[in-house]
Protein backbone atom coordinates (compact mmCIF):
# COMPACT_ATOMS: atom_id res chain seq x y z
CA MET A 1 -7.16 -22.99 -10.85
CA ALA A 2 -9.07 -21.58 -13.24
CA ASN A 3 -9.81 -17.86 -12.87
CA SER A 4 -10.63 -14.85 -14.34
CA PHE A 5 -9.50 -11.18 -14.44
CA THR A 6 -11.29 -8.34 -14.44
CA TYR A 7 -9.17 -4.83 -13.76
CA VAL A 8 -11.23 -1.48 -13.04
CA PRO A 9 -9.43 2.22 -12.97
CA TYR A 10 -8.53 3.35 -9.50
CA ASN A 11 -10.37 6.26 -10.18
CA GLU A 12 -14.10 3.91 -10.44
CA THR A 13 -13.24 2.59 -7.24
CA GLY A 14 -13.55 5.25 -4.67
CA TYR A 15 -10.61 4.05 -2.73
CA PHE A 16 -8.03 5.81 -3.97
CA SER A 17 -7.08 9.52 -2.88
CA ALA A 18 -7.09 12.32 -5.41
CA LEU A 19 -3.09 13.15 -5.32
CA VAL A 20 -2.99 9.36 -6.40
CA THR A 21 -5.80 9.44 -9.07
CA ASP A 22 -4.65 12.76 -10.71
CA TYR A 23 -1.22 11.52 -10.66
CA LEU A 24 -2.47 8.74 -12.24
CA THR A 25 -4.73 10.17 -15.19
CA GLY A 26 -1.68 13.29 -15.50
CA SER A 27 -3.45 16.09 -13.82
CA THR A 28 -1.68 19.24 -14.47
CA ASN A 29 -1.83 20.07 -10.82
CA MET A 30 0.70 16.90 -10.52
CA GLN A 31 3.29 17.63 -13.30
CA PRO A 32 5.81 19.41 -11.22
CA PHE A 33 6.16 16.96 -8.43
CA TYR A 34 7.49 14.63 -10.67
CA THR A 35 10.11 13.30 -12.81
CA TYR A 36 9.38 10.12 -15.33
CA THR A 37 5.32 9.66 -16.12
CA PRO A 38 4.21 6.39 -14.58
CA ASP A 39 4.04 3.82 -17.41
CA LYS A 40 6.72 2.25 -20.51
CA ASP A 41 7.92 5.36 -21.72
CA GLY A 42 8.75 7.37 -18.25
CA ILE A 43 10.19 3.94 -17.38
CA ALA A 44 12.38 4.13 -20.62
CA LYS A 45 13.54 7.60 -20.10
CA ALA A 46 14.81 6.58 -16.43
CA ILE A 47 16.86 3.71 -17.88
CA GLN A 48 18.13 6.34 -20.31
CA GLU A 49 18.94 8.79 -17.44
CA ARG A 50 19.83 6.25 -14.79
CA ALA A 51 22.96 5.69 -16.35
CA GLN A 52 24.67 9.05 -15.04
CA TYR A 53 24.35 8.37 -11.36
CA PRO A 54 26.30 5.31 -10.75
CA VAL A 55 26.13 2.96 -7.21
CA ASP A 56 28.10 0.96 -5.55
CA ARG A 57 27.72 -2.38 -7.22
CA LYS A 58 30.80 -4.30 -5.33
CA ALA A 59 29.25 -3.03 -1.80
CA LEU A 60 26.04 -4.01 -3.26
CA VAL A 61 26.60 -7.14 -3.81
CA SER A 62 28.76 -7.69 -1.44
CA THR A 63 26.38 -7.26 0.99
CA LEU A 64 23.65 -8.74 -0.54
CA THR A 65 25.90 -12.16 -0.87
CA ALA A 66 26.57 -11.95 2.76
CA GLN A 67 22.60 -11.59 3.89
CA TYR A 68 22.38 -14.81 1.83
CA ALA A 69 24.65 -16.49 2.59
CA ASN A 70 23.07 -18.84 4.99
CA LEU A 71 19.63 -18.49 3.25
CA PRO A 72 18.61 -21.63 1.20
CA LYS A 73 19.52 -21.24 -2.89
CA TYR A 74 17.30 -19.80 -5.44
CA GLU A 75 19.51 -20.31 -8.89
CA GLN A 76 17.26 -16.97 -10.48
CA THR A 77 18.03 -14.79 -7.09
CA GLU A 78 21.55 -15.85 -7.56
CA GLN A 79 22.13 -14.81 -10.65
CA ASN A 80 20.20 -11.28 -10.03
CA ILE A 81 22.68 -11.04 -7.29
CA GLN A 82 25.34 -11.32 -9.68
CA LEU A 83 23.86 -9.17 -12.93
CA LEU A 84 23.76 -6.01 -10.07
CA LEU A 85 27.47 -6.51 -10.74
CA ASN A 86 26.81 -5.28 -14.60
CA GLU A 87 26.33 -1.78 -15.31
CA HIS A 88 23.58 -2.28 -17.66
CA THR A 89 21.48 -4.21 -14.35
CA TYR A 90 18.82 -1.97 -13.01
CA THR A 91 16.52 -2.60 -10.24
CA VAL A 92 12.71 -2.62 -9.63
CA CYS A 93 11.69 -1.60 -6.33
CA THR A 94 9.45 -1.88 -3.61
CA ALA A 95 9.52 -1.33 0.19
CA HIS A 96 8.07 -2.46 3.65
CA GLN A 97 8.79 -2.95 6.67
CA PRO A 98 9.28 -6.23 8.52
CA ASN A 99 5.78 -6.88 9.47
CA LEU A 100 5.04 -9.98 11.58
CA MET A 101 3.66 -12.50 9.20
CA THR A 102 3.98 -9.92 6.17
CA GLY A 103 0.95 -8.15 7.81
CA TYR A 104 -1.74 -7.93 5.03
CA LEU A 105 -2.11 -8.37 1.87
CA TYR A 106 -0.93 -5.50 0.54
CA PHE A 107 2.74 -6.42 1.20
CA ILE A 108 2.26 -9.55 -1.18
CA TYR A 109 0.79 -7.56 -3.95
CA LYS A 110 3.74 -5.07 -3.81
CA ILE A 111 6.29 -7.62 -4.26
CA VAL A 112 4.69 -9.90 -6.93
CA HIS A 113 3.98 -6.08 -8.85
CA ALA A 114 8.03 -5.67 -8.66
CA ILE A 115 9.14 -9.06 -10.77
CA LYS A 116 6.09 -8.91 -12.85
CA LEU A 117 7.56 -5.30 -14.06
CA ALA A 118 10.80 -6.86 -14.27
CA GLU A 119 9.97 -9.50 -16.40
CA GLN A 120 7.71 -6.90 -19.01
CA LEU A 121 11.05 -4.25 -18.33
CA LYS A 122 13.21 -7.03 -19.90
CA GLU A 123 10.65 -7.87 -22.48
CA LEU A 124 10.62 -4.20 -23.47
CA HIS A 125 14.56 -4.06 -23.28
CA PRO A 126 16.24 -7.11 -24.06
CA LYS A 127 19.90 -5.54 -24.05
CA LYS A 128 19.40 -4.42 -20.14
CA ASN A 129 18.63 -6.73 -17.75
CA PHE A 130 16.00 -5.52 -14.53
CA VAL A 131 16.16 -7.48 -10.95
CA PRO A 132 13.36 -7.17 -8.50
CA VAL A 133 14.14 -5.94 -4.89
CA TYR A 134 12.31 -6.00 -1.89
CA TYR A 135 14.04 -3.24 0.37
CA MET A 136 13.13 -4.22 4.11
CA GLY A 137 12.04 -1.43 6.17
CA SER A 138 13.84 -3.29 9.13
CA GLU A 139 14.75 -0.05 11.21
CA ASP A 140 10.95 1.10 11.59
CA ASN A 141 10.33 1.13 15.45
CA ASP A 142 5.88 0.85 15.19
CA ILE A 143 5.92 -2.66 16.78
CA ASP A 144 1.81 -1.66 16.91
CA GLU A 145 1.35 -1.41 13.39
CA LEU A 146 4.30 -4.48 12.44
CA GLY A 147 3.37 -6.70 15.26
CA VAL A 148 -0.27 -7.19 14.15
CA PHE A 149 -1.73 -10.02 11.53
CA ARG A 150 -4.87 -11.01 11.02
CA TYR A 151 -5.90 -14.99 10.23
CA ASN A 152 -9.21 -16.05 9.68
CA GLY A 153 -10.69 -12.89 11.58
CA THR A 154 -9.00 -13.33 14.76
CA LYS A 155 -6.54 -10.93 15.39
CA TYR A 156 -2.94 -11.99 16.24
CA VAL A 157 -0.39 -9.40 18.39
CA TRP A 158 2.87 -9.26 19.46
CA LYS A 159 3.98 -6.71 21.92
CA GLY A 160 7.35 -7.43 21.12
CA SER A 161 8.17 -9.67 23.97
CA GLY A 162 9.00 -6.35 25.91
CA GLN A 163 11.87 -4.78 23.41
CA THR A 164 12.45 -1.10 22.16
CA GLY A 165 14.24 0.39 19.10
CA ALA A 166 14.22 -0.94 15.37
CA VAL A 167 11.67 -3.97 14.83
CA GLY A 168 14.22 -5.62 12.47
CA ARG A 169 16.51 -5.85 15.69
CA MET A 170 14.10 -7.30 17.77
CA ASP A 171 15.15 -11.33 19.10
CA THR A 172 11.82 -13.62 18.54
CA ALA A 173 12.54 -15.32 20.76
CA GLY A 174 9.13 -14.59 22.30
CA LEU A 175 6.88 -15.19 19.55
CA LYS A 176 6.50 -19.31 20.15
CA PRO A 177 3.28 -18.65 22.10
CA LEU A 178 1.51 -16.70 19.59
CA PHE A 179 2.68 -19.49 16.67
CA HIS A 180 1.23 -21.93 19.07
CA GLU A 181 -1.83 -20.07 19.06
CA LEU A 182 -2.06 -19.73 15.36
CA PHE A 183 -1.52 -23.56 15.21
CA LYS A 184 -3.74 -24.71 17.02
CA VAL A 185 -6.45 -22.97 14.19
CA PHE A 186 -4.35 -23.15 10.74
CA GLY A 187 -5.77 -25.57 8.41
CA PRO A 188 -7.02 -26.87 6.18
CA PRO A 189 -4.85 -30.10 6.84
CA GLY A 190 -3.19 -30.94 3.84
CA GLU A 191 0.42 -30.22 1.96
CA HIS A 192 -0.41 -26.61 1.42
CA MET A 193 -1.11 -26.42 5.37
CA ASP A 194 2.57 -28.61 5.93
CA VAL A 195 4.19 -26.19 3.34
CA LEU A 196 3.02 -22.97 5.02
CA LYS A 197 3.93 -24.08 8.30
CA GLN A 198 7.01 -25.38 8.24
CA MET A 199 7.83 -22.03 6.46
CA ILE A 200 6.29 -20.16 9.14
CA GLU A 201 8.13 -22.48 12.26
CA THR A 202 12.02 -21.81 10.43
CA ALA A 203 11.29 -17.98 9.53
CA TYR A 204 10.42 -16.92 13.17
CA LEU A 205 11.49 -19.50 15.34
CA GLN A 206 14.72 -20.73 13.65
CA HIS A 207 16.36 -17.34 13.33
CA ASP A 208 17.50 -14.63 15.86
CA THR A 209 15.80 -11.47 14.40
CA ILE A 210 12.80 -10.31 12.85
CA ALA A 211 14.49 -8.98 9.76
CA ALA A 212 16.45 -12.65 9.48
CA ALA A 213 12.72 -14.00 9.53
CA THR A 214 11.29 -12.07 7.34
CA HIS A 215 14.32 -12.37 4.82
CA TYR A 216 13.64 -16.07 4.76
CA LEU A 217 9.78 -16.01 4.87
CA VAL A 218 10.24 -13.92 1.95
CA ASN A 219 12.65 -15.52 0.01
CA GLU A 220 10.79 -19.17 0.51
CA LEU A 221 7.67 -17.33 -1.45
CA PHE A 222 9.85 -15.24 -3.72
CA GLY A 223 13.17 -16.31 -4.55
CA ARG A 224 12.30 -19.24 -7.21
CA TYR A 225 10.77 -15.94 -9.14
CA GLY A 226 14.36 -14.35 -8.67
CA LEU A 227 13.43 -11.91 -6.06
CA VAL A 228 16.53 -10.00 -4.31
CA VAL A 229 15.83 -8.82 -0.92
CA LEU A 230 17.74 -6.25 0.61
CA ASN A 231 18.34 -5.53 4.57
CA PRO A 232 19.18 -1.72 4.15
CA ASP A 233 20.50 -1.94 7.90
CA ASN A 234 24.00 -2.34 7.40
CA ALA A 235 27.39 -0.12 8.26
CA SER A 236 28.60 -1.13 4.46
CA LEU A 237 26.01 0.40 2.59
CA LYS A 238 25.15 3.68 5.11
CA ARG A 239 28.61 4.59 4.53
CA SER A 240 27.89 5.87 0.85
CA PHE A 241 25.20 7.49 2.91
CA ILE A 242 27.40 9.68 4.66
CA PRO A 243 27.57 13.22 3.50
CA VAL A 244 24.06 13.40 2.75
CA MET A 245 23.65 12.27 6.81
CA GLU A 246 26.60 14.73 7.45
CA ASP A 247 25.07 17.86 5.88
CA GLU A 248 21.44 16.91 7.90
CA LEU A 249 23.29 16.82 11.19
CA MET A 250 25.35 20.09 10.34
CA ASN A 251 23.35 22.07 8.57
CA GLN A 252 19.83 20.64 8.78
CA ALA A 253 19.76 21.08 4.55
CA SER A 254 16.49 19.43 4.05
CA PHE A 255 13.96 21.06 6.20
CA PRO A 256 13.97 24.19 3.83
CA ILE A 257 13.64 22.16 1.00
CA LEU A 258 11.31 20.33 1.89
CA GLU A 259 9.13 22.60 3.13
CA LYS A 260 8.78 24.80 0.21
CA GLN A 261 7.59 21.52 -1.87
CA ILE A 262 4.81 20.25 0.98
CA GLU A 263 3.48 24.02 0.37
CA LYS A 264 3.05 24.14 -2.90
CA LEU A 265 1.92 20.13 -3.02
CA GLY A 266 -0.38 21.19 0.12
CA ALA A 267 -2.39 23.78 -2.51
CA HIS A 268 -3.78 20.90 -3.97
CA TYR A 269 -3.79 17.90 -2.01
CA LYS A 270 -3.43 16.34 1.43
CA ILE A 271 0.35 16.17 2.66
CA GLN A 272 1.08 12.64 3.81
CA ALA A 273 4.38 13.87 5.84
CA ASN A 274 6.61 16.34 7.33
CA PRO A 275 9.61 16.71 7.85
CA ARG A 276 11.89 17.40 10.89
CA THR A 277 14.55 19.96 11.27
CA ILE A 278 16.49 17.17 11.27
CA ASN A 279 15.83 14.01 10.02
CA LEU A 280 18.05 11.28 10.83
CA PHE A 281 17.17 8.64 14.15
CA TYR A 282 20.15 7.01 16.36
CA LEU A 283 20.19 3.58 16.65
CA LYS A 284 21.82 1.41 19.51
CA GLU A 285 20.58 -1.66 20.86
CA GLN A 286 17.08 -1.10 21.63
CA ILE A 287 17.17 2.34 21.35
CA ARG A 288 15.39 4.24 17.93
CA GLU A 289 14.93 7.76 19.04
CA ARG A 290 15.20 11.55 17.27
CA ILE A 291 18.18 13.02 17.07
CA GLU A 292 17.91 16.75 17.61
CA LYS A 293 20.59 19.89 17.38
CA GLN A 294 20.05 22.01 21.20
CA GLY A 295 22.39 25.10 21.34
CA ASP A 296 26.43 23.22 20.01
CA LYS A 297 25.20 20.09 21.33
CA TRP A 298 23.38 17.32 19.53
CA ILE A 299 21.32 15.22 21.88
CA VAL A 300 19.41 11.75 21.57
CA ILE A 301 16.03 12.34 22.85
CA ASN A 302 14.73 10.27 25.76
CA THR A 303 18.40 8.99 26.66
CA ASP A 304 21.70 10.51 27.66
CA ILE A 305 23.08 10.29 24.94
CA GLN A 306 24.37 13.86 23.37
CA TRP A 307 27.52 14.65 21.12
CA THR A 308 29.90 18.42 20.29
CA LYS A 309 30.19 18.47 16.77
CA ASP A 310 33.50 16.73 16.17
CA ALA A 311 32.36 13.51 18.50
CA LEU A 312 29.12 13.71 16.62
CA LEU A 313 31.27 13.44 13.54
CA GLN A 314 33.28 10.85 14.63
CA GLU A 315 30.25 8.66 15.11
CA LEU A 316 28.67 8.93 12.19
CA HIS A 317 32.07 7.75 10.38
CA GLU A 318 32.94 5.61 12.52
CA HIS A 319 29.62 4.07 12.96
CA PRO A 320 27.00 4.64 10.33
CA GLU A 321 24.46 2.01 10.95
CA ARG A 322 23.75 3.90 13.93
CA PHE A 323 22.13 6.77 12.12
CA SER A 324 18.76 5.64 10.41
CA PRO A 325 17.02 8.70 7.54
CA ASN A 326 13.36 9.00 8.55
CA VAL A 327 10.70 8.85 5.86
CA MET A 328 12.11 12.15 4.09
CA LEU A 329 15.03 10.73 3.91
CA ARG A 330 14.13 6.96 3.32
CA GLY A 331 13.52 7.01 -0.39
CA MET A 332 17.35 9.29 -1.35
CA TYR A 333 19.21 6.41 0.76
CA GLN A 334 17.23 3.88 -0.72
CA GLU A 335 18.28 5.23 -4.11
CA THR A 336 21.73 6.38 -3.06
CA ILE A 337 22.75 2.31 -3.25
CA LEU A 338 20.58 0.55 -5.40
CA PRO A 339 20.35 1.23 -9.21
CA ASP A 340 16.65 1.73 -9.44
CA VAL A 341 14.42 3.02 -12.27
CA ALA A 342 11.14 2.40 -10.69
CA PHE A 343 10.19 2.46 -7.79
CA ILE A 344 6.52 0.85 -6.48
CA GLY A 345 4.97 1.77 -3.29
CA GLY A 346 1.04 2.31 -2.13
CA GLY A 347 -1.23 5.61 -1.89
CA ALA A 348 0.82 6.65 1.33
CA GLU A 349 3.90 5.96 -0.58
CA VAL A 350 3.46 7.80 -3.90
CA ALA A 351 1.98 10.60 -2.35
CA TYR A 352 4.69 11.37 0.38
CA TRP A 353 7.00 10.46 -2.65
CA MET A 354 5.87 13.48 -4.61
CA GLN A 355 7.14 15.84 -1.75
CA LEU A 356 11.13 15.26 -2.29
CA LYS A 357 11.51 15.74 -6.04
CA THR A 358 13.42 19.23 -4.86
CA LEU A 359 15.67 17.28 -1.77
CA PHE A 360 16.61 14.34 -3.96
CA ALA A 361 17.58 16.95 -7.37
CA HIS A 362 19.86 18.94 -3.82
CA TYR A 363 21.76 16.26 -3.55
CA GLY A 364 22.33 14.70 -6.90
CA VAL A 365 20.60 11.90 -6.21
CA PHE A 366 18.48 10.02 -9.01
CA TYR A 367 14.47 10.53 -8.84
CA PRO A 368 13.20 7.30 -9.83
CA THR A 369 9.92 6.63 -12.02
CA ILE A 370 7.01 6.15 -9.55
CA LEU A 371 4.36 3.81 -9.68
CA LEU A 372 1.34 3.03 -7.99
CA ARG A 373 1.73 -0.92 -6.70
CA GLN A 374 -1.25 -3.62 -7.98
CA SER A 375 -4.15 -2.80 -5.69
CA VAL A 376 -6.12 -6.55 -5.68
CA MET A 377 -9.02 -8.03 -4.94
CA TRP A 378 -9.96 -11.96 -4.69
CA ILE A 379 -13.56 -13.02 -5.22
CA ASP A 380 -13.39 -17.12 -4.46
CA ASP A 381 -15.71 -19.50 -5.44
CA ILE A 382 -18.95 -18.82 -2.60
CA HIS A 383 -19.10 -15.74 -3.09
CA ALA A 384 -18.46 -15.54 -7.41
CA ARG A 385 -21.58 -17.57 -7.48
CA ALA A 386 -23.56 -15.18 -4.98
CA ARG A 387 -22.43 -12.05 -7.35
CA LYS A 388 -23.61 -13.99 -10.46
CA GLN A 389 -26.89 -15.16 -8.60
CA LEU A 390 -27.64 -11.57 -7.51
CA GLN A 391 -26.99 -10.09 -11.20
CA LEU A 392 -23.67 -8.02 -9.91
CA SER A 393 -21.07 -7.15 -12.31
CA VAL A 394 -17.36 -7.09 -10.77
CA ALA A 395 -17.68 -3.15 -11.40
CA ASP A 396 -20.78 -3.11 -9.84
CA THR A 397 -19.12 -4.38 -6.52
CA PHE A 398 -17.36 -1.23 -5.98
CA LYS A 399 -20.56 0.83 -5.54
CA THR A 400 -21.80 1.70 -2.51
CA GLU A 401 -24.52 -0.73 -0.52
CA MET A 402 -27.42 1.95 -0.47
CA THR A 403 -26.65 2.29 -4.29
CA LEU A 404 -26.34 -1.63 -4.94
CA VAL A 405 -29.63 -1.99 -2.86
CA LYS A 406 -31.96 0.44 -4.68
CA GLU A 407 -30.61 -0.03 -8.28
CA PHE A 408 -31.45 -3.94 -7.33
CA ILE A 409 -35.15 -2.92 -6.17
CA ILE A 410 -35.80 -1.08 -9.28
CA LYS A 411 -34.11 -3.62 -11.56
CA ASN A 412 -36.73 -6.74 -10.12
CA SER A 413 -40.24 -4.53 -9.19
CA GLY A 414 -40.41 -1.94 -11.61
CA ASN A 415 -41.12 1.33 -10.26
CA ASN A 416 -44.65 0.39 -8.11
CA TRP A 417 -42.58 1.95 -5.45
CA GLN A 418 -41.69 5.62 -6.87
CA THR A 419 -43.80 8.15 -6.81
CA GLN A 420 -41.93 10.67 -9.10
CA GLU A 421 -45.17 10.70 -11.60
CA GLU A 422 -48.28 11.15 -9.13
CA THR A 423 -46.11 13.53 -7.05
CA THR A 424 -45.74 15.71 -10.21
CA ALA A 425 -49.39 15.78 -11.07
CA VAL A 426 -49.68 16.72 -7.87
CA GLU A 427 -47.82 19.51 -7.55
CA ASN A 428 -49.36 20.68 -10.57
CA ILE A 429 -52.32 20.50 -9.08
CA LEU A 430 -51.28 22.49 -6.15
CA GLN A 431 -49.90 25.13 -7.73
CA GLN A 432 -52.84 25.29 -10.01
CA LEU A 433 -54.76 26.29 -6.26
CA ARG A 434 -51.63 28.29 -5.02
CA THR A 435 -52.43 30.26 -8.42
CA LYS A 436 -56.22 30.40 -7.96
CA ALA A 437 -55.95 31.51 -4.54
CA THR A 438 -53.08 34.33 -4.88
CA ASP A 439 -55.43 35.60 -7.13
CA LEU A 440 -58.33 35.18 -5.02
CA ASP A 441 -56.56 37.56 -1.99
CA PRO A 442 -52.69 38.26 -2.18
CA THR A 443 -52.41 37.71 1.32
CA LEU A 444 -53.10 33.67 0.66
CA ARG A 445 -49.97 33.36 -0.60
CA SER A 446 -47.65 32.18 2.10
CA SER A 447 -50.46 29.66 3.16
CA ALA A 448 -50.89 28.07 -0.01
CA ASP A 449 -46.96 27.89 0.06
CA ALA A 450 -47.16 26.28 3.33
CA ALA A 451 -49.71 23.60 2.19
CA LEU A 452 -47.24 22.86 -1.10
CA ALA A 453 -44.52 22.36 1.24
CA LYS A 454 -46.44 20.14 3.56
CA MET A 455 -47.77 18.32 1.22
CA LYS A 456 -44.52 17.50 -0.93
CA HIS A 457 -43.08 16.32 2.79
CA GLN A 458 -45.17 13.99 3.12
CA LEU A 459 -44.96 12.59 -0.59
CA VAL A 460 -41.70 12.57 0.22
CA ILE A 461 -42.41 10.19 3.88
CA LEU A 462 -44.54 8.17 1.42
CA GLU A 463 -42.31 7.16 -1.08
CA LYS A 464 -40.15 6.01 1.86
CA LYS A 465 -42.42 3.59 3.42
CA MET A 466 -43.51 2.38 -0.30
CA LEU A 467 -39.27 1.85 -0.37
CA ARG A 468 -39.22 0.33 3.03
CA ALA A 469 -42.03 -2.11 1.95
CA GLU A 470 -40.34 -3.18 -0.96
CA LYS A 471 -37.18 -4.08 0.80
CA LYS A 472 -39.38 -6.41 2.63
CA LYS A 473 -40.69 -8.50 -0.01
CA MET A 474 -37.22 -8.76 -0.83
CA GLN A 475 -35.03 -8.81 2.20
CA VAL A 476 -33.59 -11.96 1.23
CA GLN A 477 -32.10 -10.92 -2.00
CA LEU A 478 -31.14 -7.83 -0.28
CA GLN A 479 -29.17 -9.45 3.00
CA LYS A 480 -27.48 -11.22 0.12
CA ILE A 481 -25.97 -8.07 -1.22
CA SER A 482 -24.84 -6.66 1.81
CA ARG A 483 -23.23 -9.93 2.96
CA LEU A 484 -21.40 -10.22 -0.54
CA LYS A 485 -20.28 -5.95 0.53
CA ASN A 486 -19.27 -7.11 3.61
CA GLU A 487 -17.54 -9.90 3.00
CA LEU A 488 -15.69 -8.52 -0.10
CA PHE A 489 -14.75 -5.18 1.40
CA PRO A 490 -14.47 -5.57 5.11
CA ASN A 491 -14.87 -2.57 7.07
CA ASN A 492 -15.90 -1.03 4.34
CA GLY A 493 -12.61 -1.36 2.67
CA LEU A 494 -9.99 -3.52 0.97
CA GLN A 495 -9.56 -6.63 1.58
CA GLU A 496 -5.59 -5.90 1.00
CA ARG A 497 -5.86 -3.79 4.33
CA VAL A 498 -7.38 -6.72 6.46
CA GLU A 499 -6.48 -9.64 5.32
CA ASN A 500 -2.86 -11.84 5.59
CA PHE A 501 -1.88 -14.15 2.53
CA SER A 502 -1.84 -17.13 4.65
CA GLU A 503 -5.46 -18.31 4.19
CA TYR A 504 -4.74 -18.09 0.23
CA PHE A 505 -1.85 -19.83 0.68
CA LEU A 506 -3.56 -22.81 2.32
CA LYS A 507 -6.16 -22.46 -0.16
CA TYR A 508 -3.97 -22.79 -3.29
CA GLY A 509 -0.78 -23.26 -2.29
CA TYR A 510 2.32 -21.66 -4.65
CA ASP A 511 -0.10 -21.52 -7.15
CA TYR A 512 -1.60 -18.57 -5.01
CA LEU A 513 1.51 -16.53 -5.80
CA ASP A 514 1.85 -17.53 -9.91
CA THR A 515 -1.95 -16.57 -10.32
CA LEU A 516 -1.17 -13.17 -8.66
CA LYS A 517 2.33 -12.91 -11.10
CA LYS A 518 0.46 -13.91 -14.03
CA ALA A 519 -2.51 -11.32 -13.56
CA THR A 520 -0.59 -8.77 -12.77
CA ASP A 521 0.45 -5.59 -15.23
CA GLY A 522 3.44 -3.91 -13.90
CA LEU A 523 2.67 -0.84 -16.94
CA THR A 524 -0.87 -0.68 -16.15
CA SER A 525 -2.48 1.36 -13.07
CA LYS A 526 -5.57 -0.17 -13.00
CA LEU A 527 -7.27 -2.65 -10.19
CA LEU A 528 -7.18 -6.21 -10.55
CA VAL A 529 -9.93 -8.29 -9.51
CA VAL A 530 -9.09 -12.08 -9.76
CA GLU A 531 -11.73 -14.34 -9.37
CA ASP A 532 -12.17 -17.88 -8.94
CA THR A 533 -13.94 -20.03 -12.13
CA ALA A 534 -13.57 -23.43 -11.19
CA ASN A 535 -17.60 -24.01 -10.33
């Protein structure tokens, strides 16, 4: 598979927030909200200081060993799990919910970024070890988001078969009809289809829960690169987070700390997430609901569950797996159980991590280097030919359709439709007439101004009509521009927020993932464009 790679600065794409671009460019507005710069120097400093924040490596490895017990074995992943016992081993982590069929492409890009960055850090720090980790957000309950993926333009939706609570704990038994419909249109037939179909069937039809299915699928896709998948919905791991959860339940300490930080960040940027008085959910069977304190009782909303102080503390210490940190505490739990030096997240994740630095400091938890995940646009051979025929550069494709149309017309028709030169000449004559009229009678000034304004307006209308006439002459080419933009940027957004990896895997097989890993630069904050160049 022949490809070319182009890297476009995020601030030149038009698809990333001011907070993200300011963070990547080191704006002074952002500097109070992070500890380490998102580059090799920042990560080097994080590695040096991470040693001051030990984690329970034995509990981590024991948990991972149990979670991998019934999965296919990949030598590099098994080695990486054992390396985590070594105090000179660190993790490069990315996190995402267990979206059905991985959901959208950015799920894949996050993981590839973590894998590539771990390899690059090993080259920079040969005496250290770096393990890429996918931290599965299995306790999320948003089935409306997690149960959706698209294939070949069709939206497939699973409502959870009536189940509620944490999606990772949901039974997969009701998924068979959905995949039956998917496989009717799967293709084209061939080796790649056979491999992927078998992978999907084994994942979702032979594993009992969504978390287990996702673990199998991600392991089959990335196990050969040494990726370690961690499901944090685990009593042993949560036991190390009990002190924070107890303080949250008893004293609600995080709320004022977060509110103060959010107020400072909000002076310049849009706030991504807001804290609650208690930032924990209660998980049990098909329940995932917020905990609130009412008087001298703690209640689980929308249920009959409630505790006194002593009963709540007993429940927490006996069953820590029933308590789930929300978005404001999730990162701190992650950094408590992993020897992490870098966290890779999307734009929204970068934004809410910027709210958390002071909370980490309050609890003495390590605050890692925060990196924006690699964004990718893939231009296949058909669209690559169309781009070249239209004489557009890769960077040009990020311009608005209106801009591209105007530039194309100017480039291919000269100035035949533009009236700037004539307008200037007419305005000069009209100004002379205005002066002549007002010299004759000052009361004619308003009439002269009105005539001048009317003429200018008519000239603008004339130019628009001439532009439409020029567009009509170039209708075929302009339709090609419109079609190219719509297909490269579906719904005027990035591919990675609409498409699923399966379409690319069916075409390229594992070469798709190999190409992404080859092209991804874990230390360069630019959008990657991969273009097929075979034809």
